[in-house]
Amino acid sequence: MITTCNDYSEDSLIEQPAIELFHELGWETANFFYEKFGENGTLGRETSSEVVLILRLRATLVRLNLDLLSPKLISGEVDIGIIRSKYEC
């Protein structure tokens, strides 16, 4: 990525290089600038301050822990939710 002298923005200096690095590492990225919030929202978040994507977390916990009982998975999700809530503004 080439930055021109007229483009010293957070997007060009921080966000785009980070996105490029994530792609190089094989991560999936997406632009959710116009994300819709709520139950039927884009990512299932209520607000932008929710940094843990619970729907994706739940699916990943099930996939990685197929031998665990559901209550244990839910407990892990709640524990992460409690940790997350300490950092919400």
C-alpha atoms as a PDB file:
ATOM      1  CA  MET A   1       0.000   0.000   0.000  1.00  0.00           C
ATOM      2  CA  ILE A   2       1.365   3.397  -0.990  1.00  0.00           C
ATOM      3  CA  THR A   3       0.424   6.444   1.073  1.00  0.00           C
ATOM      4  CA  THR A   4       0.412   9.843  -0.605  1.00  0.00           C
ATOM      5  CA  CYS A   5       1.276  13.022   1.273  1.00  0.00           C
ATOM      6  CA  ASN A   6      -2.399  14.010   1.145  1.00  0.00           C
ATOM      7  CA  ASP A   7      -3.543  10.761   2.756  1.00  0.00           C
ATOM      8  CA  TYR A   8      -2.264  10.789   6.341  1.00  0.00           C
ATOM      9  CA  SER A   9      -5.485   9.436   7.818  1.00  0.00           C
ATOM     10  CA  GLU A  10      -6.154   6.742  10.396  1.00  0.00           C
ATOM     11  CA  ASP A  11      -7.659   4.641   7.614  1.00  0.00           C
ATOM     12  CA  SER A  12      -4.594   4.763   5.364  1.00  0.00           C
ATOM     13  CA  LEU A  13      -1.941   4.606   8.089  1.00  0.00           C
ATOM     14  CA  ILE A  14      -3.503   2.105  10.527  1.00  0.00           C
ATOM     15  CA  GLU A  15      -6.681   0.398   9.370  1.00  0.00           C
ATOM     16  CA  GLN A  16      -5.736  -0.565   5.805  1.00  0.00           C
ATOM     17  CA  PRO A  17      -2.256  -1.929   6.728  1.00  0.00           C
ATOM     18  CA  ALA A  18      -3.854  -3.939   9.566  1.00  0.00           C
ATOM     19  CA  ILE A  19      -6.497  -5.355   7.213  1.00  0.00           C
ATOM     20  CA  GLU A  20      -3.782  -6.243   4.702  1.00  0.00           C
ATOM     21  CA  LEU A  21      -1.815  -8.043   7.439  1.00  0.00           C
ATOM     22  CA  PHE A  22      -4.904  -9.978   8.531  1.00  0.00           C
ATOM     23  CA  HIS A  23      -5.414 -11.122   4.922  1.00  0.00           C
ATOM     24  CA  GLU A  24      -1.785 -12.260   4.750  1.00  0.00           C
ATOM     25  CA  LEU A  25      -2.352 -14.282   7.939  1.00  0.00           C
ATOM     26  CA  GLY A  26      -5.422 -15.925   6.392  1.00  0.00           C
ATOM     27  CA  TRP A  27      -7.976 -14.090   8.522  1.00  0.00           C
ATOM     28  CA  GLU A  28     -11.387 -13.119   7.209  1.00  0.00           C
ATOM     29  CA  THR A  29     -12.076  -9.373   7.332  1.00  0.00           C
ATOM     30  CA  ALA A  30     -15.180  -7.333   6.602  1.00  0.00           C
ATOM     31  CA  ASN A  31     -16.231  -3.700   6.627  1.00  0.00           C
ATOM     32  CA  PHE A  32     -19.106  -3.190   9.057  1.00  0.00           C
ATOM     33  CA  PHE A  33     -19.124   0.595   9.060  1.00  0.00           C
ATOM     34  CA  TYR A  34     -22.862   0.477   8.269  1.00  0.00           C
ATOM     35  CA  GLU A  35     -23.577  -2.433  10.641  1.00  0.00           C
ATOM     36  CA  LYS A  36     -27.160  -2.811  11.827  1.00  0.00           C
ATOM     37  CA  PHE A  37     -27.587  -3.632  15.535  1.00  0.00           C
ATOM     38  CA  GLY A  38     -30.177  -5.682  17.396  1.00  0.00           C
ATOM     39  CA  GLU A  39     -31.534  -9.211  17.263  1.00  0.00           C
ATOM     40  CA  ASN A  40     -31.664  -9.287  13.459  1.00  0.00           C
ATOM     41  CA  GLY A  41     -28.575  -7.134  13.034  1.00  0.00           C
ATOM     42  CA  THR A  42     -25.583  -7.792  10.842  1.00  0.00           C
ATOM     43  CA  LEU A  43     -23.488  -9.555  13.508  1.00  0.00           C
ATOM     44  CA  GLY A  44     -26.086 -10.079  16.236  1.00  0.00           C
ATOM     45  CA  ARG A  45     -24.691  -7.345  18.476  1.00  0.00           C
ATOM     46  CA  GLU A  46     -26.905  -4.959  20.429  1.00  0.00           C
ATOM     47  CA  THR A  47     -24.371  -2.110  20.348  1.00  0.00           C
ATOM     48  CA  SER A  48     -20.943  -1.358  18.894  1.00  0.00           C
ATOM     49  CA  SER A  49     -19.408  -1.746  22.371  1.00  0.00           C
ATOM     50  CA  GLU A  50     -20.018  -5.524  22.285  1.00  0.00           C
ATOM     51  CA  VAL A  51     -16.641  -6.767  21.101  1.00  0.00           C
ATOM     52  CA  VAL A  52     -17.365 -10.491  21.544  1.00  0.00           C
ATOM     53  CA  LEU A  53     -19.541 -11.885  18.759  1.00  0.00           C
ATOM     54  CA  ILE A  54     -21.624 -14.277  20.872  1.00  0.00           C
ATOM     55  CA  LEU A  55     -23.235 -16.071  17.900  1.00  0.00           C
ATOM     56  CA  ARG A  56     -19.833 -16.878  16.397  1.00  0.00           C
ATOM     57  CA  LEU A  57     -18.391 -17.693  19.813  1.00  0.00           C
ATOM     58  CA  ARG A  58     -21.185 -20.175  20.530  1.00  0.00           C
ATOM     59  CA  ALA A  59     -20.765 -21.898  17.145  1.00  0.00           C
ATOM     60  CA  THR A  60     -16.994 -22.132  17.632  1.00  0.00           C
ATOM     61  CA  LEU A  61     -17.328 -23.487  21.184  1.00  0.00           C
ATOM     62  CA  VAL A  62     -19.659 -26.213  19.920  1.00  0.00           C
ATOM     63  CA  ARG A  63     -17.330 -27.054  17.012  1.00  0.00           C
ATOM     64  CA  LEU A  64     -14.198 -27.225  19.177  1.00  0.00           C
ATOM     65  CA  ASN A  65     -15.759 -28.977  22.170  1.00  0.00           C
ATOM     66  CA  LEU A  66     -18.076 -31.569  20.671  1.00  0.00           C
ATOM     67  CA  ASP A  67     -17.631 -33.878  23.671  1.00  0.00           C
ATOM     68  CA  LEU A  68     -18.654 -31.282  26.285  1.00  0.00           C
ATOM     69  CA  LEU A  69     -22.203 -30.947  27.506  1.00  0.00           C
ATOM     70  CA  SER A  70     -24.144 -27.880  26.461  1.00  0.00           C
ATOM     71  CA  PRO A  71     -24.352 -26.336  29.980  1.00  0.00           C
ATOM     72  CA  LYS A  72     -20.558 -26.291  30.154  1.00  0.00           C
ATOM     73  CA  LEU A  73     -20.412 -24.460  26.845  1.00  0.00           C
ATOM     74  CA  ILE A  74     -23.015 -21.977  28.000  1.00  0.00           C
ATOM     75  CA  SER A  75     -21.065 -21.459  31.231  1.00  0.00           C
ATOM     76  CA  GLY A  76     -17.946 -20.607  29.224  1.00  0.00           C
ATOM     77  CA  GLU A  77     -19.953 -18.151  27.179  1.00  0.00           C
ATOM     78  CA  VAL A  78     -21.328 -16.495  30.312  1.00  0.00           C
ATOM     79  CA  ASP A  79     -17.838 -16.264  31.832  1.00  0.00           C
ATOM     80  CA  ILE A  80     -16.579 -14.496  28.718  1.00  0.00           C
ATOM     81  CA  GLY A  81     -19.640 -12.229  28.825  1.00  0.00           C
ATOM     82  CA  ILE A  82     -18.857 -11.264  32.412  1.00  0.00           C
ATOM     83  CA  ILE A  83     -15.253 -10.468  31.499  1.00  0.00           C
ATOM     84  CA  ARG A  84     -16.458  -8.480  28.486  1.00  0.00           C
ATOM     85  CA  SER A  85     -18.904  -6.428  30.560  1.00  0.00           C
ATOM     86  CA  LYS A  86     -16.057  -5.165  32.783  1.00  0.00           C
ATOM     87  CA  TYR A  87     -14.556  -3.365  29.790  1.00  0.00           C
ATOM     88  CA  GLU A  88     -17.706  -1.907  28.244  1.00  0.00           C
ATOM     89  CA  CYS A  89     -18.096   1.849  28.544  1.00  0.00           C
END
